[in-house]
Amino acid sequence: MAKIFVEAYGCSASFADSEMISGLILNGGHTLSDNSSDSDLNIVVTCSVKDSTANKMMYRINSLKSKPLIVAGCLPKAEKENVEKYSENASLLGPNSLGKTLQVINSTLGGTKQIALDDTDLSKVGLPKVRLNPTVGIVEIASGCMSECTFCQTKLSKGDLSSYRLGDIVRQVQTEIKEGCKEVWLTSTDNGCYGFDIGTDLPSLVNAVSEIPEDFMVRVGMMNPMYMPRIKENLIESFDNKKVFRFLHIPVQSGSDKVLNDMKRGHTSGTFREIVNKVKERFGDFTISTDIIVGFPTETEKEFQKTVELLDETKPDVVNLSKYSARPGTDAAELDQIDASEVKRRTKIIFEQISKLSMESNQKWIGWKGKVLFDEMTDEGIKGRNFAYKPIAVEDKVELGQSHIVEITGATVKRLVGKIAS
């Protein structure tokens, strides 16, 4: 029996993988350590989406290699040789190789490096898990995607779309709720194409999960705009259920149709505009989150300005901003890159713009009063979410998993500020 430390970086699917790895560790007779210094073996579940993230991962891998180490997640699958430069003795576990977790652990503890990057037929639904947050159940609904984006390593890491069966997902959600979760995240590489390979779709899944009778909330995870025309009408209907947070994360990435075409995104800026307009017309208060990449190799000043215009027009509530970084193995990495100082200049313009948009969006909530589920522990205390998934902080003493009626009294760029009204 060994003491094993597990840490994760990246998207919600990566954190879900770490929860399942921890569950398999306990089922295998080992124990979990709270820190890397007190462990017999360290496991880092990695992300490779951006250069800055990958560099952080490499630094972390280097700092952990004095003990037996397993590098799991997307990075070893997408950049095996690069990982091995930093830790030649580390075992490698791919994002779709969780079925080999215990085998890799036992081999590594015995002093033998093992590489398990090939996909196993193990579904990630129904695996044991140790939750990072007892209030939130992260449920992976699929692995892989249908896209061929020229800037992204995800396809290299996770392969083609493989959706999990709707009934299995519903049973997993029931388990999450039975074990005390008040909030369920439906997550995958791209929720928008969920079910296309097995004869179903995301709206059908959201409706099925919403029919579970217990008291809980559902957060529908990221979906790319390219699949929205196929599901948008039924998806909008599914958000009419009070159990579903009125929140959509739709990464548009650019306001330029030419750049989107060069990225092989499969959608236009108009696709994004249409879904934003439809949900806001239907529901009014509805949180839109999107992603923007600044400095893609073919982004001219004219194309950049189209992104600025799109943001001003659609006014998303949350924008995740990234500088383009050339990722190994992607098509866009072979293109001539824009000068770093120019990318920095454009990034500053967008950053100032989205800070202004977020502040204006949050200020509109001052005076609102309603139910808030306190679902997250942060360095600043416990934070909650209302029906539109707006982050809310209160000075009152609250406990994780509780719901309270809150009145919003102020706003910052990142959150709403309120007080308990009941």
Protein backbone atom coordinates (compact mmCIF):
# COMPACT_ATOMS: atom_id res chain seq x y z
CA MET A 1 0.00 0.00 0.00
CA ALA A 2 1.39 3.39 -1.03
CA LYS A 3 0.56 7.03 -0.30
CA ILE A 4 -0.19 8.77 -3.58
CA PHE A 5 -0.55 12.49 -4.32
CA VAL A 6 -2.76 13.55 -7.24
CA GLU A 7 -3.07 17.05 -8.68
CA ALA A 8 -4.81 18.33 -11.82
CA TYR A 9 -4.66 21.27 -14.18
CA GLY A 10 -6.81 22.51 -17.06
CA CYS A 11 -10.47 21.99 -17.92
CA SER A 12 -13.28 20.42 -15.90
CA ALA A 13 -12.77 17.12 -17.78
CA SER A 14 -9.17 17.05 -16.55
CA PHE A 15 -10.34 17.56 -12.95
CA ALA A 16 -12.97 14.84 -13.45
CA ASP A 17 -10.19 12.49 -14.62
CA SER A 18 -8.20 13.28 -11.47
CA GLU A 19 -11.25 12.47 -9.30
CA MET A 20 -11.59 9.09 -11.02
CA ILE A 21 -7.87 8.35 -10.74
CA SER A 22 -8.13 9.09 -7.00
CA GLY A 23 -11.14 6.76 -6.74
CA LEU A 24 -9.28 3.96 -8.52
CA ILE A 25 -6.30 4.50 -6.20
CA LEU A 26 -8.46 3.93 -3.12
CA ASN A 27 -10.17 0.93 -4.72
CA GLY A 28 -6.74 -0.51 -5.45
CA GLY A 29 -5.80 -0.50 -1.75
CA HIS A 30 -3.61 2.60 -1.75
CA THR A 31 -4.18 5.84 0.17
CA LEU A 32 -4.22 9.47 -0.93
CA SER A 33 -1.69 12.01 0.29
CA ASP A 34 -2.46 15.70 0.80
CA ASN A 35 0.90 16.84 -0.56
CA SER A 36 3.75 15.75 -2.81
CA SER A 37 6.39 15.83 -0.09
CA ASP A 38 4.60 13.21 2.03
CA SER A 39 3.85 10.78 -0.81
CA ASP A 40 5.42 7.62 -2.21
CA LEU A 41 4.23 8.44 -5.73
CA ASN A 42 3.04 11.61 -7.45
CA ILE A 43 0.51 11.85 -10.28
CA VAL A 44 -0.01 15.07 -12.24
CA VAL A 45 -3.01 15.24 -14.58
CA THR A 46 -1.93 17.67 -17.27
CA CYS A 47 -3.36 20.10 -19.81
CA SER A 48 -1.72 21.07 -23.10
CA VAL A 49 -4.10 23.64 -24.56
CA LYS A 50 -1.73 26.64 -24.48
CA ASP A 51 2.01 27.27 -24.49
CA SER A 52 1.86 29.01 -21.11
CA THR A 53 -0.05 26.07 -19.61
CA ALA A 54 2.33 23.50 -21.11
CA ASN A 55 5.34 25.42 -19.76
CA LYS A 56 3.75 25.41 -16.30
CA MET A 57 3.21 21.65 -16.63
CA MET A 58 6.84 21.05 -17.62
CA TYR A 59 8.06 23.07 -14.63
CA ARG A 60 5.80 21.04 -12.35
CA ILE A 61 6.89 17.73 -13.87
CA ASN A 62 10.53 18.72 -13.33
CA SER A 63 9.85 19.63 -9.69
CA LEU A 64 8.12 16.30 -8.95
CA LYS A 65 10.53 13.90 -10.65
CA SER A 66 12.67 13.22 -7.56
CA LYS A 67 10.04 10.63 -6.59
CA PRO A 68 8.23 8.00 -8.67
CA LEU A 69 6.03 10.03 -11.03
CA ILE A 70 3.13 9.45 -13.41
CA VAL A 71 2.33 12.15 -15.95
CA ALA A 72 -1.32 11.73 -16.95
CA GLY A 73 -3.80 13.64 -19.10
CA CYS A 74 -3.42 15.40 -22.44
CA LEU A 75 0.24 16.45 -22.42
CA PRO A 76 1.91 13.00 -22.59
CA LYS A 77 -0.44 11.95 -25.41
CA ALA A 78 0.18 15.12 -27.45
CA GLU A 79 3.84 15.76 -26.56
CA LYS A 80 5.34 12.48 -25.35
CA GLU A 81 8.94 13.32 -26.31
CA ASN A 82 8.75 16.75 -24.71
CA VAL A 83 7.50 15.29 -21.42
CA GLU A 84 10.30 12.71 -21.45
CA LYS A 85 12.90 15.46 -21.84
CA TYR A 86 11.87 16.78 -18.43
CA SER A 87 11.43 13.42 -16.72
CA GLU A 88 12.74 10.43 -18.66
CA ASN A 89 11.75 7.97 -15.93
CA ALA A 90 8.14 9.12 -15.47
CA SER A 91 5.37 6.73 -16.45
CA LEU A 92 2.79 8.11 -18.89
CA LEU A 93 -1.00 7.67 -18.72
CA GLY A 94 -3.23 9.01 -21.51
CA PRO A 95 -6.58 10.78 -21.01
CA ASN A 96 -8.46 7.77 -22.39
CA SER A 97 -6.30 5.16 -20.66
CA LEU A 98 -7.78 5.25 -17.15
CA GLY A 99 -8.49 1.52 -17.29
CA LYS A 100 -4.73 0.98 -16.87
CA THR A 101 -4.36 3.34 -13.88
CA LEU A 102 -3.62 0.71 -11.22
CA GLN A 103 -1.37 -1.26 -13.55
CA VAL A 104 0.71 1.86 -14.24
CA ILE A 105 0.78 2.82 -10.54
CA ASN A 106 1.97 -0.62 -9.41
CA SER A 107 4.59 -0.80 -12.15
CA THR A 108 5.91 2.69 -11.31
CA LEU A 109 6.06 1.90 -7.60
CA GLY A 110 8.08 -1.20 -8.50
CA GLY A 111 10.64 0.93 -10.30
CA THR A 112 9.53 0.16 -13.86
CA LYS A 113 8.44 2.94 -16.20
CA GLN A 114 5.22 2.17 -18.06
CA ILE A 115 3.70 3.98 -21.04
CA ALA A 116 -0.08 3.64 -21.36
CA LEU A 117 -1.20 6.13 -23.97
CA ASP A 118 -3.46 3.93 -26.09
CA ASP A 119 -7.20 4.25 -25.51
CA THR A 120 -8.92 1.61 -23.41
CA ASP A 121 -12.56 0.60 -23.80
CA LEU A 122 -13.31 1.73 -20.25
CA SER A 123 -16.18 4.22 -20.04
CA LYS A 124 -15.59 7.12 -17.65
CA VAL A 125 -19.18 6.91 -16.48
CA GLY A 126 -19.63 4.89 -13.30
CA LEU A 127 -16.00 4.84 -12.15
CA PRO A 128 -15.28 5.39 -8.45
CA LYS A 129 -14.20 8.93 -7.62
CA VAL A 130 -12.96 11.20 -4.86
CA ARG A 131 -14.55 14.62 -5.40
CA LEU A 132 -12.48 17.76 -5.23
CA ASN A 133 -15.65 19.63 -4.24
CA PRO A 134 -18.32 17.66 -2.29
CA THR A 135 -21.03 19.98 -3.60
CA VAL A 136 -20.22 19.58 -7.32
CA GLY A 137 -20.42 16.36 -9.31
CA ILE A 138 -18.40 16.51 -12.54
CA VAL A 139 -19.82 14.04 -15.04
CA GLU A 140 -17.99 13.40 -18.30
CA ILE A 141 -20.50 12.71 -21.06
CA ALA A 142 -18.07 11.97 -23.92
CA SER A 143 -14.43 11.86 -24.92
CA GLY A 144 -12.83 13.35 -28.01
CA CYS A 145 -14.42 15.65 -30.58
CA MET A 146 -15.48 15.96 -34.22
CA SER A 147 -13.44 19.09 -34.98
CA GLU A 148 -10.14 19.59 -36.82
CA CYS A 149 -9.12 23.02 -35.47
CA THR A 150 -5.70 24.05 -36.79
CA PHE A 151 -4.55 25.56 -33.46
CA CYS A 152 -5.65 22.86 -31.01
CA GLN A 153 -3.94 19.74 -29.64
CA THR A 154 -7.13 18.24 -28.18
CA LYS A 155 -7.72 16.00 -31.18
CA LEU A 156 -4.15 14.70 -30.86
CA SER A 157 -4.79 13.94 -27.19
CA LYS A 158 -8.33 12.62 -27.12
CA GLY A 159 -9.13 11.49 -30.67
CA ASP A 160 -12.54 11.22 -32.28
CA LEU A 161 -15.87 11.64 -30.53
CA SER A 162 -16.97 8.79 -28.30
CA SER A 163 -20.20 9.59 -26.47
CA TYR A 164 -21.29 7.72 -23.37
CA ARG A 165 -24.79 6.25 -23.25
CA LEU A 166 -27.52 8.59 -22.08
CA GLY A 167 -28.93 6.12 -19.54
CA ASP A 168 -25.49 5.54 -18.02
CA ILE A 169 -24.98 9.30 -17.64
CA VAL A 170 -28.38 9.73 -15.97
CA ARG A 171 -27.53 6.95 -13.49
CA GLN A 172 -24.18 8.62 -12.77
CA VAL A 173 -25.94 11.94 -12.10
CA GLN A 174 -28.32 10.13 -9.73
CA THR A 175 -25.29 8.75 -7.89
CA GLU A 176 -23.73 12.22 -7.61
CA ILE A 177 -26.93 13.60 -6.07
CA LYS A 178 -27.37 10.61 -3.75
CA GLU A 179 -23.84 11.22 -2.46
CA GLY A 180 -24.60 14.82 -1.56
CA CYS A 181 -23.92 16.92 -4.67
CA LYS A 182 -26.16 19.94 -5.16
CA GLU A 183 -24.74 20.84 -8.57
CA VAL A 184 -23.83 18.66 -11.56
CA TRP A 185 -21.52 19.67 -14.41
CA LEU A 186 -22.05 17.92 -17.74
CA THR A 187 -18.62 18.14 -19.34
CA SER A 188 -16.61 16.87 -22.30
CA THR A 189 -14.18 18.10 -24.95
CA ASP A 190 -17.17 19.54 -26.83
CA ASN A 191 -20.70 19.11 -25.46
CA GLY A 192 -22.22 20.45 -28.69
CA CYS A 193 -21.65 17.22 -30.61
CA TYR A 194 -22.58 14.90 -27.74
CA GLY A 195 -24.53 11.89 -28.98
CA PHE A 196 -24.06 12.43 -32.72
CA ASP A 197 -22.18 9.10 -32.87
CA ILE A 198 -24.82 7.14 -30.94
CA GLY A 199 -28.09 8.55 -32.26
CA THR A 200 -28.91 11.13 -29.61
CA ASP A 201 -27.95 14.73 -28.75
CA LEU A 202 -27.25 17.20 -25.95
CA PRO A 203 -30.83 18.57 -25.56
CA SER A 204 -32.10 15.00 -25.05
CA LEU A 205 -29.47 14.46 -22.36
CA VAL A 206 -30.18 17.76 -20.57
CA ASN A 207 -33.91 16.97 -20.56
CA ALA A 208 -33.32 13.46 -19.21
CA VAL A 209 -31.05 14.70 -16.42
CA SER A 210 -33.50 17.50 -15.53
CA GLU A 211 -36.26 14.93 -14.99
CA ILE A 212 -34.42 13.45 -11.99
CA PRO A 213 -36.75 14.49 -9.13
CA GLU A 214 -34.19 15.59 -6.50
CA ASP A 215 -33.24 19.21 -5.75
CA PHE A 216 -30.07 20.07 -7.69
CA MET A 217 -28.77 22.33 -10.47
CA VAL A 218 -27.19 21.42 -13.82
CA ARG A 219 -24.38 23.33 -15.51
CA VAL A 220 -24.08 22.54 -19.21
CA GLY A 221 -20.42 22.71 -20.20
CA MET A 222 -18.57 24.14 -23.19
CA MET A 223 -19.87 23.61 -26.71
CA ASN A 224 -18.43 24.83 -29.98
CA PRO A 225 -20.70 27.02 -32.15
CA MET A 226 -20.32 24.84 -35.24
CA TYR A 227 -22.87 22.30 -33.98
CA MET A 228 -25.36 24.84 -32.65
CA PRO A 229 -27.50 25.09 -35.81
CA ARG A 230 -28.26 21.37 -35.49
CA ILE A 231 -29.43 21.49 -31.87
CA LYS A 232 -30.14 25.12 -30.98
CA GLU A 233 -33.95 25.11 -30.94
CA ASN A 234 -34.24 22.04 -28.70
CA LEU A 235 -31.29 23.18 -26.58
CA ILE A 236 -32.93 26.54 -25.88
CA GLU A 237 -36.10 24.68 -24.85
CA SER A 238 -34.08 22.54 -22.43
CA PHE A 239 -32.92 25.69 -20.61
CA ASP A 240 -36.53 26.45 -19.72
CA ASN A 241 -36.21 23.95 -16.85
CA LYS A 242 -35.49 25.67 -13.53
CA LYS A 243 -32.88 23.03 -12.69
CA VAL A 244 -30.65 24.15 -15.57
CA PHE A 245 -28.36 27.14 -15.03
CA ARG A 246 -29.04 29.74 -17.71
CA PHE A 247 -25.44 29.72 -18.79
CA LEU A 248 -23.75 28.85 -22.08
CA HIS A 249 -20.04 28.63 -22.80
CA ILE A 250 -19.67 29.03 -26.57
CA PRO A 251 -16.07 29.72 -27.71
CA VAL A 252 -16.27 31.92 -30.83
CA GLN A 253 -12.44 32.52 -30.86
CA SER A 254 -12.58 35.32 -33.49
CA GLY A 255 -14.98 37.82 -34.99
CA SER A 256 -13.44 37.35 -38.45
CA ASP A 257 -14.98 34.72 -40.70
CA LYS A 258 -11.72 34.49 -42.64
CA VAL A 259 -9.73 33.73 -39.48
CA LEU A 260 -12.39 31.25 -38.34
CA ASN A 261 -12.07 29.51 -41.71
CA ASP A 262 -8.28 29.44 -41.38
CA MET A 263 -8.72 27.97 -37.91
CA LYS A 264 -11.07 25.32 -39.41
CA ARG A 265 -13.60 26.19 -36.77
CA GLY A 266 -16.56 25.16 -38.91
CA HIS A 267 -18.71 28.14 -37.93
CA THR A 268 -19.03 31.85 -38.70
CA SER A 269 -19.33 34.83 -36.41
CA GLY A 270 -23.00 34.88 -37.45
CA THR A 271 -23.55 31.47 -35.83
CA PHE A 272 -22.42 32.93 -32.52
CA ARG A 273 -24.49 36.11 -32.96
CA GLU A 274 -27.63 34.11 -33.66
CA ILE A 275 -27.45 31.88 -30.58
CA VAL A 276 -26.64 34.85 -28.31
CA ASN A 277 -29.59 36.84 -29.68
CA LYS A 278 -31.96 33.87 -29.39
CA VAL A 279 -31.23 33.03 -25.75
CA LYS A 280 -31.32 36.67 -24.66
CA GLU A 281 -34.61 37.25 -26.49
CA ARG A 282 -36.09 34.11 -24.90
CA PHE A 283 -34.80 34.44 -21.34
CA GLY A 284 -33.52 37.98 -20.82
CA ASP A 285 -31.07 37.31 -17.99
CA PHE A 286 -28.80 34.65 -19.45
CA THR A 287 -25.02 34.40 -19.01
CA ILE A 288 -22.94 33.99 -22.15
CA SER A 289 -19.31 32.95 -21.80
CA THR A 290 -16.96 32.79 -24.77
CA ASP A 291 -13.28 32.40 -25.66
CA ILE A 292 -11.16 34.69 -27.81
CA ILE A 293 -7.76 33.90 -29.31
CA VAL A 294 -5.72 36.99 -30.24
CA GLY A 295 -2.86 36.85 -32.74
CA PHE A 296 -3.70 33.80 -34.86
CA PRO A 297 -1.11 33.81 -37.70
CA THR A 298 -3.55 35.04 -40.38
CA GLU A 299 -5.18 37.71 -38.19
CA THR A 300 -4.55 41.09 -39.84
CA GLU A 301 -5.42 44.38 -38.14
CA LYS A 302 -8.65 44.43 -40.14
CA GLU A 303 -9.59 40.91 -38.98
CA PHE A 304 -8.67 41.82 -35.40
CA GLN A 305 -11.06 44.80 -35.48
CA LYS A 306 -13.87 42.42 -36.45
CA THR A 307 -13.34 40.64 -33.13
CA VAL A 308 -13.54 43.95 -31.28
CA GLU A 309 -16.78 44.73 -33.13
CA LEU A 310 -18.30 41.31 -32.43
CA LEU A 311 -17.66 41.66 -28.70
CA ASP A 312 -19.19 45.15 -28.64
CA GLU A 313 -22.24 43.87 -30.50
CA THR A 314 -22.92 40.66 -28.55
CA LYS A 315 -21.64 41.83 -25.13
CA PRO A 316 -20.77 38.41 -23.65
CA ASP A 317 -20.74 38.35 -19.84
CA VAL A 318 -17.51 36.36 -19.58
CA VAL A 319 -14.61 36.26 -22.05
CA ASN A 320 -11.67 33.87 -21.63
CA LEU A 321 -8.83 35.63 -23.45
CA SER A 322 -5.75 33.86 -24.82
CA LYS A 323 -2.76 34.93 -26.84
CA TYR A 324 -2.30 32.54 -29.75
CA SER A 325 0.54 30.11 -29.14
CA ALA A 326 1.84 27.62 -31.69
CA ARG A 327 1.25 24.12 -30.33
CA PRO A 328 3.44 21.26 -31.62
CA GLY A 329 1.73 19.00 -34.13
CA THR A 330 -0.94 21.52 -35.17
CA ASP A 331 -1.32 22.94 -38.71
CA ALA A 332 -1.18 26.57 -37.57
CA ALA A 333 2.23 26.04 -35.99
CA GLU A 334 3.65 25.77 -39.54
CA LEU A 335 2.41 29.26 -40.52
CA ASP A 336 4.37 32.52 -40.25
CA GLN A 337 3.72 33.86 -36.74
CA ILE A 338 2.72 37.42 -35.82
CA ASP A 339 5.30 39.46 -33.92
CA ALA A 340 4.92 38.98 -30.15
CA SER A 341 4.78 42.73 -29.44
CA GLU A 342 1.84 43.11 -31.83
CA VAL A 343 0.01 40.19 -30.22
CA LYS A 344 0.60 41.83 -26.84
CA ARG A 345 -0.82 45.14 -28.10
CA ARG A 346 -3.98 43.49 -29.43
CA THR A 347 -4.38 41.45 -26.26
CA LYS A 348 -4.28 44.62 -24.15
CA ILE A 349 -7.04 46.19 -26.28
CA ILE A 350 -9.31 43.15 -25.88
CA PHE A 351 -8.52 42.84 -22.18
CA GLU A 352 -9.60 46.42 -21.52
CA GLN A 353 -12.70 45.92 -23.64
CA ILE A 354 -13.86 42.75 -21.88
CA SER A 355 -13.17 44.23 -18.45
CA LYS A 356 -15.54 47.07 -19.34
CA LEU A 357 -18.16 44.66 -20.74
CA SER A 358 -17.99 42.41 -17.65
CA MET A 359 -18.34 45.36 -15.29
CA GLU A 360 -21.37 46.67 -17.19
CA SER A 361 -22.93 43.19 -17.20
CA ASN A 362 -22.42 42.71 -13.46
CA GLN A 363 -23.68 46.16 -12.49
CA LYS A 364 -27.05 45.34 -14.05
CA TRP A 365 -27.58 42.78 -11.28
CA ILE A 366 -27.38 45.30 -8.41
CA GLY A 367 -30.71 45.21 -6.61
CA TRP A 368 -31.55 41.66 -7.73
CA LYS A 369 -32.81 39.35 -4.99
CA GLY A 370 -33.11 35.59 -5.25
CA LYS A 371 -31.85 32.12 -4.47
CA VAL A 372 -28.08 31.46 -4.48
CA LEU A 373 -26.41 28.05 -4.17
CA PHE A 374 -23.04 28.33 -2.41
CA ASP A 375 -20.98 25.87 -4.40
CA GLU A 376 -17.30 26.83 -4.36
CA MET A 377 -14.55 27.32 -1.80
CA THR A 378 -12.04 29.99 -2.87
CA ASP A 379 -9.08 31.72 -1.22
CA GLU A 380 -11.47 34.57 -0.42
CA GLY A 381 -14.15 32.34 1.12
CA ILE A 382 -17.23 30.49 -0.09
CA LYS A 383 -18.75 31.71 -3.34
CA GLY A 384 -22.23 31.07 -4.72
CA ARG A 385 -24.13 31.10 -8.02
CA ASN A 386 -27.61 32.28 -8.93
CA PHE A 387 -29.88 30.87 -11.67
CA ALA A 388 -27.76 32.55 -14.36
CA TYR A 389 -24.53 31.12 -12.89
CA LYS A 390 -23.30 34.55 -11.83
CA PRO A 391 -20.55 34.26 -9.19
CA ILE A 392 -21.66 35.86 -5.91
CA ALA A 393 -19.69 36.65 -2.74
CA VAL A 394 -21.26 37.55 0.61
CA GLU A 395 -19.70 38.65 3.90
CA ASP A 396 -22.23 36.59 5.85
CA LYS A 397 -21.20 33.20 7.22
CA VAL A 398 -22.38 30.43 4.90
CA GLU A 399 -21.54 26.78 4.40
CA LEU A 400 -20.70 24.90 1.21
CA GLY A 401 -23.82 23.34 -0.30
CA GLN A 402 -26.28 25.70 1.37
CA SER A 403 -28.79 27.85 -0.52
CA HIS A 404 -29.86 31.30 0.68
CA ILE A 405 -31.90 34.23 -0.55
CA VAL A 406 -29.34 36.92 -1.41
CA GLU A 407 -29.71 40.58 -2.33
CA ILE A 408 -27.03 41.96 -4.67
CA THR A 409 -25.56 45.20 -3.32
CA GLY A 410 -22.47 45.68 -5.48
CA ALA A 411 -20.37 44.38 -8.35
CA THR A 412 -16.77 43.99 -9.49
CA VAL A 413 -15.41 42.87 -12.86
CA LYS A 414 -15.28 39.25 -11.69
CA ARG A 415 -18.24 38.82 -9.35
CA LEU A 416 -21.40 40.14 -7.74
CA VAL A 417 -21.38 41.16 -4.07
CA GLY A 418 -24.41 40.64 -1.86
CA LYS A 419 -25.89 39.99 1.56
CA ILE A 420 -28.11 37.26 2.96
CA ALA A 421 -31.70 38.50 2.84
CA SER A 422 -33.27 35.60 4.73
